[in-house]
Amino acid sequence: MSNIQSILHHSVLVADVQVSLAFYCGLLELALDDARPDLGYPGAWLTVGEGQQIHLLQLPNPDPVTDRPTHGGRDRHLALAVGDVDMLADRLQVAGITFTRSKSGRAALFCRDPDGNALEFVQCTR
């Protein structure tokens, strides 16, 4: 049995923390964790569920941000559980954020953040 117990955080490279906060906190309604110390570069920690976070790192991105697959499921991505994927789809549509539905038929969708990072949202009931 593995000693690994859970994922604590996922880091995402961003060009502008304030633009990313508008997306992650404003649109997706994640909470900002003020406990982030000064690490010598701009960034933010966002709370996801209990004991999990997304870390926004404003650093140069070594990866191409153009010519990525249209469907985020065919690219590296972060998957997040949501209570209602259709409600999220409505919010994304109103905000003008392009998204695709899961190709598997699951209640899931994929979109990209302002920096082209792919995100998957899967409807889960707990």
N, C-alpha and C. Protein backbone atom coordinates (compact mmCIF):
# COMPACT_ATOMS: atom_id res chain seq x y z
N MET A 1 0.84 -1.17 0.00
CA MET A 1 0.00 0.00 0.00
C MET A 1 0.89 1.25 0.00
N SER A 2 0.50 2.25 -0.78
CA SER A 2 1.28 3.48 -0.89
C SER A 2 1.19 4.30 0.38
N ASN A 3 2.25 5.02 0.66
CA ASN A 3 2.28 5.92 1.80
C ASN A 3 1.67 7.29 1.45
N ILE A 4 1.40 7.52 0.16
CA ILE A 4 0.83 8.79 -0.27
C ILE A 4 -0.65 8.81 0.10
N GLN A 5 -1.08 9.90 0.75
CA GLN A 5 -2.43 9.95 1.29
C GLN A 5 -3.38 10.88 0.55
N SER A 6 -2.87 11.99 0.00
CA SER A 6 -3.75 12.92 -0.71
C SER A 6 -2.91 13.94 -1.47
N ILE A 7 -3.56 14.72 -2.30
CA ILE A 7 -2.92 15.84 -2.98
C ILE A 7 -3.17 17.07 -2.12
N LEU A 8 -2.12 17.79 -1.78
CA LEU A 8 -2.25 18.97 -0.93
C LEU A 8 -2.40 20.25 -1.75
N HIS A 9 -1.62 20.36 -2.83
CA HIS A 9 -1.79 21.53 -3.69
C HIS A 9 -1.30 21.22 -5.09
N HIS A 10 -1.75 22.05 -6.01
CA HIS A 10 -1.32 21.99 -7.41
C HIS A 10 -0.89 23.40 -7.79
N SER A 11 0.31 23.55 -8.34
CA SER A 11 0.81 24.86 -8.71
C SER A 11 0.51 25.14 -10.18
N VAL A 12 0.14 26.40 -10.45
CA VAL A 12 -0.20 26.84 -11.80
C VAL A 12 0.60 28.10 -12.11
N LEU A 13 1.32 28.10 -13.23
CA LEU A 13 2.05 29.29 -13.65
C LEU A 13 1.09 30.28 -14.29
N VAL A 14 1.21 31.54 -13.88
CA VAL A 14 0.33 32.59 -14.41
C VAL A 14 1.16 33.81 -14.78
N ALA A 15 0.66 34.60 -15.73
CA ALA A 15 1.35 35.81 -16.16
C ALA A 15 1.02 37.01 -15.27
N ASP A 16 -0.20 37.01 -14.70
CA ASP A 16 -0.65 38.14 -13.89
C ASP A 16 -1.56 37.61 -12.79
N VAL A 17 -1.08 37.66 -11.56
CA VAL A 17 -1.84 37.12 -10.43
C VAL A 17 -3.22 37.77 -10.32
N GLN A 18 -3.32 39.07 -10.52
CA GLN A 18 -4.60 39.75 -10.36
C GLN A 18 -5.62 39.27 -11.39
N VAL A 19 -5.20 39.07 -12.63
CA VAL A 19 -6.09 38.53 -13.66
C VAL A 19 -6.53 37.12 -13.27
N SER A 20 -5.58 36.32 -12.78
CA SER A 20 -5.91 34.95 -12.37
C SER A 20 -6.84 34.92 -11.17
N LEU A 21 -6.65 35.85 -10.23
CA LEU A 21 -7.55 35.91 -9.07
C LEU A 21 -8.97 36.25 -9.50
N ALA A 22 -9.12 37.11 -10.50
CA ALA A 22 -10.47 37.42 -11.00
C ALA A 22 -11.13 36.16 -11.53
N PHE A 23 -10.37 35.29 -12.17
CA PHE A 23 -10.91 34.03 -12.71
C PHE A 23 -11.17 33.03 -11.59
N TYR A 24 -10.14 32.73 -10.79
CA TYR A 24 -10.25 31.67 -9.79
C TYR A 24 -11.13 32.07 -8.59
N CYS A 25 -10.99 33.29 -8.12
CA CYS A 25 -11.79 33.73 -6.97
C CYS A 25 -13.11 34.35 -7.41
N GLY A 26 -13.08 35.20 -8.44
CA GLY A 26 -14.29 35.86 -8.90
C GLY A 26 -15.25 34.91 -9.58
N LEU A 27 -14.80 34.26 -10.64
CA LEU A 27 -15.67 33.38 -11.43
C LEU A 27 -15.89 32.02 -10.76
N LEU A 28 -14.80 31.38 -10.33
CA LEU A 28 -14.92 30.04 -9.74
C LEU A 28 -15.22 30.06 -8.25
N GLU A 29 -15.14 31.22 -7.63
CA GLU A 29 -15.50 31.42 -6.22
C GLU A 29 -14.62 30.65 -5.24
N LEU A 30 -13.33 30.49 -5.56
CA LEU A 30 -12.40 29.90 -4.60
C LEU A 30 -11.96 30.97 -3.62
N ALA A 31 -11.65 30.55 -2.40
CA ALA A 31 -11.24 31.50 -1.36
C ALA A 31 -9.73 31.69 -1.37
N LEU A 32 -9.30 32.93 -1.16
CA LEU A 32 -7.89 33.27 -1.06
C LEU A 32 -7.39 32.94 0.34
N ASP A 33 -6.26 32.26 0.43
CA ASP A 33 -5.63 31.94 1.71
C ASP A 33 -4.54 32.98 1.97
N ASP A 34 -4.74 33.82 2.96
CA ASP A 34 -3.80 34.90 3.27
C ASP A 34 -2.51 34.42 3.95
N ALA A 35 -2.38 33.12 4.19
CA ALA A 35 -1.21 32.60 4.90
C ALA A 35 0.04 32.50 4.02
N ARG A 36 -0.08 32.80 2.71
CA ARG A 36 1.10 32.69 1.83
C ARG A 36 2.17 33.70 2.26
N PRO A 37 3.38 33.20 2.55
CA PRO A 37 4.46 34.12 2.91
C PRO A 37 5.03 34.80 1.66
N ASP A 38 5.89 35.78 1.86
CA ASP A 38 6.60 36.42 0.75
C ASP A 38 7.65 35.44 0.25
N LEU A 39 7.46 34.94 -0.94
CA LEU A 39 8.38 33.96 -1.51
C LEU A 39 9.34 34.58 -2.53
N GLY A 40 9.29 35.90 -2.65
CA GLY A 40 10.20 36.57 -3.56
C GLY A 40 9.65 36.75 -4.97
N TYR A 41 8.42 36.35 -5.19
CA TYR A 41 7.74 36.55 -6.47
C TYR A 41 6.24 36.60 -6.18
N PRO A 42 5.47 37.26 -7.04
CA PRO A 42 4.02 37.35 -6.80
C PRO A 42 3.35 35.98 -6.92
N GLY A 43 2.32 35.82 -6.15
CA GLY A 43 1.56 34.57 -6.19
C GLY A 43 0.40 34.62 -5.22
N ALA A 44 -0.34 33.54 -5.18
CA ALA A 44 -1.48 33.43 -4.26
C ALA A 44 -1.76 31.96 -4.00
N TRP A 45 -2.31 31.70 -2.83
CA TRP A 45 -2.77 30.36 -2.48
C TRP A 45 -4.29 30.41 -2.41
N LEU A 46 -4.94 29.44 -3.04
CA LEU A 46 -6.40 29.37 -3.07
C LEU A 46 -6.86 28.08 -2.42
N THR A 47 -7.90 28.17 -1.63
CA THR A 47 -8.42 27.01 -0.93
C THR A 47 -9.41 26.26 -1.82
N VAL A 48 -9.21 24.95 -1.89
CA VAL A 48 -10.11 24.06 -2.64
C VAL A 48 -10.55 22.97 -1.67
N GLY A 49 -11.82 22.96 -1.32
CA GLY A 49 -12.28 21.94 -0.39
C GLY A 49 -11.57 22.04 0.94
N GLU A 50 -11.34 20.88 1.56
CA GLU A 50 -10.71 20.84 2.87
C GLU A 50 -9.28 20.34 2.76
N GLY A 51 -8.32 21.20 3.10
CA GLY A 51 -6.93 20.79 3.11
C GLY A 51 -6.26 20.72 1.75
N GLN A 52 -6.87 21.29 0.72
CA GLN A 52 -6.29 21.27 -0.62
C GLN A 52 -6.21 22.70 -1.15
N GLN A 53 -5.24 22.93 -2.02
CA GLN A 53 -5.06 24.28 -2.54
C GLN A 53 -4.61 24.27 -4.00
N ILE A 54 -4.82 25.41 -4.64
CA ILE A 54 -4.19 25.73 -5.91
C ILE A 54 -3.24 26.89 -5.61
N HIS A 55 -2.00 26.75 -6.03
CA HIS A 55 -1.02 27.82 -5.84
C HIS A 55 -0.79 28.50 -7.18
N LEU A 56 -1.03 29.80 -7.23
CA LEU A 56 -0.78 30.60 -8.42
C LEU A 56 0.63 31.16 -8.31
N LEU A 57 1.47 30.91 -9.31
CA LEU A 57 2.86 31.35 -9.30
C LEU A 57 3.07 32.28 -10.49
N GLN A 58 3.32 33.55 -10.21
CA GLN A 58 3.59 34.50 -11.28
C GLN A 58 5.07 34.43 -11.63
N LEU A 59 5.38 33.53 -12.54
CA LEU A 59 6.75 33.27 -12.97
C LEU A 59 6.76 33.05 -14.48
N PRO A 60 7.92 33.22 -15.13
CA PRO A 60 7.96 32.95 -16.58
C PRO A 60 7.54 31.51 -16.88
N ASN A 61 6.72 31.35 -17.90
CA ASN A 61 6.21 30.04 -18.27
C ASN A 61 7.09 29.44 -19.37
N PRO A 62 7.75 28.31 -19.12
CA PRO A 62 8.60 27.70 -20.14
C PRO A 62 7.81 26.95 -21.22
N ASP A 63 6.52 26.75 -20.99
CA ASP A 63 5.68 25.98 -21.93
C ASP A 63 4.96 26.91 -22.90
N PRO A 64 4.69 26.42 -24.11
CA PRO A 64 3.90 27.23 -25.04
C PRO A 64 2.47 27.38 -24.52
N VAL A 65 1.91 28.56 -24.68
CA VAL A 65 0.52 28.78 -24.26
C VAL A 65 -0.41 28.84 -25.46
N THR A 66 0.14 28.75 -26.67
CA THR A 66 -0.68 28.71 -27.88
C THR A 66 -0.57 27.32 -28.51
N ASP A 67 -1.46 27.05 -29.44
CA ASP A 67 -1.49 25.77 -30.15
C ASP A 67 -1.68 24.58 -29.22
N ARG A 68 -2.43 24.77 -28.14
CA ARG A 68 -2.76 23.67 -27.23
C ARG A 68 -4.04 23.02 -27.75
N PRO A 69 -4.31 21.78 -27.39
CA PRO A 69 -5.54 21.14 -27.85
C PRO A 69 -6.78 21.94 -27.43
N THR A 70 -7.77 22.01 -28.30
CA THR A 70 -9.01 22.71 -27.99
C THR A 70 -9.69 22.08 -26.78
N HIS A 71 -9.72 20.76 -26.74
CA HIS A 71 -10.35 20.03 -25.63
C HIS A 71 -9.29 19.77 -24.56
N GLY A 72 -9.49 20.36 -23.38
CA GLY A 72 -8.51 20.25 -22.30
C GLY A 72 -8.24 18.84 -21.82
N GLY A 73 -9.15 17.90 -22.13
CA GLY A 73 -8.94 16.51 -21.74
C GLY A 73 -7.81 15.85 -22.50
N ARG A 74 -7.36 16.51 -23.56
CA ARG A 74 -6.25 15.98 -24.35
C ARG A 74 -4.97 16.76 -24.07
N ASP A 75 -4.93 17.39 -22.94
CA ASP A 75 -3.78 18.18 -22.51
C ASP A 75 -3.60 17.92 -21.02
N ARG A 76 -2.45 18.25 -20.46
CA ARG A 76 -2.32 18.11 -19.00
C ARG A 76 -3.32 19.07 -18.37
N HIS A 77 -3.96 18.61 -17.31
CA HIS A 77 -5.01 19.42 -16.70
C HIS A 77 -5.20 19.06 -15.24
N LEU A 78 -5.85 19.96 -14.53
CA LEU A 78 -6.21 19.77 -13.13
C LEU A 78 -7.71 19.47 -13.10
N ALA A 79 -8.10 18.38 -12.45
CA ALA A 79 -9.51 18.01 -12.35
C ALA A 79 -10.03 18.39 -10.96
N LEU A 80 -11.19 19.06 -10.95
CA LEU A 80 -11.82 19.50 -9.71
C LEU A 80 -13.24 18.98 -9.65
N ALA A 81 -13.68 18.59 -8.47
CA ALA A 81 -15.06 18.12 -8.27
C ALA A 81 -15.97 19.33 -8.07
N VAL A 82 -17.14 19.30 -8.69
CA VAL A 82 -18.15 20.34 -8.51
C VAL A 82 -19.48 19.68 -8.19
N GLY A 83 -20.35 20.43 -7.53
CA GLY A 83 -21.67 19.92 -7.19
C GLY A 83 -22.64 19.95 -8.36
N ASP A 84 -22.50 20.93 -9.28
CA ASP A 84 -23.43 21.09 -10.39
C ASP A 84 -22.68 21.62 -11.60
N VAL A 85 -22.35 20.74 -12.52
CA VAL A 85 -21.57 21.12 -13.69
C VAL A 85 -22.36 22.05 -14.62
N ASP A 86 -23.69 21.90 -14.67
CA ASP A 86 -24.49 22.77 -15.53
C ASP A 86 -24.52 24.21 -15.00
N MET A 87 -24.53 24.38 -13.69
CA MET A 87 -24.48 25.71 -13.10
C MET A 87 -23.14 26.37 -13.45
N LEU A 88 -22.06 25.60 -13.38
CA LEU A 88 -20.75 26.13 -13.75
C LEU A 88 -20.73 26.48 -15.24
N ALA A 89 -21.31 25.63 -16.08
CA ALA A 89 -21.36 25.90 -17.52
C ALA A 89 -22.07 27.22 -17.79
N ASP A 90 -23.15 27.48 -17.08
CA ASP A 90 -23.88 28.74 -17.24
C ASP A 90 -22.99 29.93 -16.86
N ARG A 91 -22.26 29.81 -15.75
CA ARG A 91 -21.37 30.90 -15.31
C ARG A 91 -20.26 31.15 -16.33
N LEU A 92 -19.68 30.06 -16.86
CA LEU A 92 -18.62 30.21 -17.86
C LEU A 92 -19.16 30.86 -19.12
N GLN A 93 -20.33 30.44 -19.54
CA GLN A 93 -20.94 31.00 -20.75
C GLN A 93 -21.20 32.49 -20.60
N VAL A 94 -21.77 32.90 -19.47
CA VAL A 94 -22.04 34.32 -19.21
C VAL A 94 -20.73 35.11 -19.22
N ALA A 95 -19.65 34.52 -18.70
CA ALA A 95 -18.35 35.19 -18.64
C ALA A 95 -17.60 35.14 -19.97
N GLY A 96 -18.15 34.44 -20.95
CA GLY A 96 -17.49 34.34 -22.26
C GLY A 96 -16.31 33.39 -22.27
N ILE A 97 -16.28 32.44 -21.34
CA ILE A 97 -15.21 31.45 -21.28
C ILE A 97 -15.61 30.23 -22.11
N THR A 98 -14.79 29.89 -23.08
CA THR A 98 -15.03 28.72 -23.92
C THR A 98 -14.81 27.46 -23.11
N PHE A 99 -15.69 26.47 -23.31
CA PHE A 99 -15.53 25.18 -22.64
C PHE A 99 -16.03 24.08 -23.56
N THR A 100 -15.61 22.86 -23.26
CA THR A 100 -16.10 21.69 -23.97
C THR A 100 -16.60 20.69 -22.94
N ARG A 101 -17.58 19.92 -23.36
CA ARG A 101 -18.11 18.86 -22.48
C ARG A 101 -17.22 17.63 -22.59
N SER A 102 -17.28 16.78 -21.58
CA SER A 102 -16.50 15.56 -21.58
C SER A 102 -16.88 14.69 -22.76
N LYS A 103 -15.88 14.12 -23.42
CA LYS A 103 -16.11 13.23 -24.56
C LYS A 103 -16.63 11.86 -24.11
N SER A 104 -16.50 11.56 -22.81
CA SER A 104 -16.91 10.25 -22.30
C SER A 104 -18.39 10.18 -21.96
N GLY A 105 -19.08 11.32 -21.99
CA GLY A 105 -20.49 11.33 -21.62
C GLY A 105 -20.72 11.60 -20.14
N ARG A 106 -19.64 11.70 -19.37
CA ARG A 106 -19.79 12.02 -17.95
C ARG A 106 -20.28 13.46 -17.80
N ALA A 107 -20.81 13.78 -16.64
CA ALA A 107 -21.19 15.16 -16.33
C ALA A 107 -19.91 15.90 -15.97
N ALA A 108 -19.22 16.39 -16.99
CA ALA A 108 -17.94 17.05 -16.80
C ALA A 108 -17.71 18.02 -17.95
N LEU A 109 -16.89 19.04 -17.68
CA LEU A 109 -16.52 19.98 -18.73
C LEU A 109 -15.08 20.41 -18.53
N PHE A 110 -14.52 20.95 -19.61
CA PHE A 110 -13.14 21.42 -19.62
C PHE A 110 -13.11 22.87 -20.09
N CYS A 111 -12.26 23.67 -19.46
CA CYS A 111 -12.02 25.04 -19.92
C CYS A 111 -10.56 25.37 -19.64
N ARG A 112 -10.17 26.57 -20.01
CA ARG A 112 -8.81 27.03 -19.74
C ARG A 112 -8.89 28.32 -18.93
N ASP A 113 -7.91 28.50 -18.05
CA ASP A 113 -7.83 29.75 -17.30
C ASP A 113 -7.23 30.83 -18.20
N PRO A 114 -7.08 32.06 -17.74
CA PRO A 114 -6.56 33.13 -18.60
C PRO A 114 -5.17 32.87 -19.17
N ASP A 115 -4.42 31.93 -18.58
CA ASP A 115 -3.07 31.61 -19.07
C ASP A 115 -3.02 30.33 -19.89
N GLY A 116 -4.18 29.77 -20.20
CA GLY A 116 -4.23 28.57 -21.02
C GLY A 116 -4.09 27.27 -20.27
N ASN A 117 -4.04 27.32 -18.94
CA ASN A 117 -3.97 26.09 -18.15
C ASN A 117 -5.33 25.39 -18.23
N ALA A 118 -5.32 24.10 -18.56
CA ALA A 118 -6.57 23.35 -18.71
C ALA A 118 -7.10 22.90 -17.35
N LEU A 119 -8.41 23.05 -17.19
CA LEU A 119 -9.11 22.64 -15.97
C LEU A 119 -10.26 21.73 -16.36
N GLU A 120 -10.46 20.68 -15.59
CA GLU A 120 -11.60 19.78 -15.76
C GLU A 120 -12.47 19.92 -14.52
N PHE A 121 -13.78 19.98 -14.73
CA PHE A 121 -14.74 20.04 -13.64
C PHE A 121 -15.67 18.86 -13.76
N VAL A 122 -15.68 17.99 -12.77
CA VAL A 122 -16.47 16.75 -12.79
C VAL A 122 -17.55 16.86 -11.73
N GLN A 123 -18.79 16.61 -12.14
CA GLN A 123 -19.89 16.66 -11.17
C GLN A 123 -19.80 15.44 -10.27
N CYS A 124 -19.74 15.69 -8.97
CA CYS A 124 -19.64 14.63 -7.96
C CYS A 124 -20.65 14.93 -6.86
N THR A 125 -21.30 13.90 -6.40
CA THR A 125 -22.19 14.05 -5.26
C THR A 125 -21.57 13.30 -4.10
N ARG A 126 -21.49 13.97 -2.97
CA ARG A 126 -20.88 13.35 -1.78
C ARG A 126 -21.83 13.46 -0.63
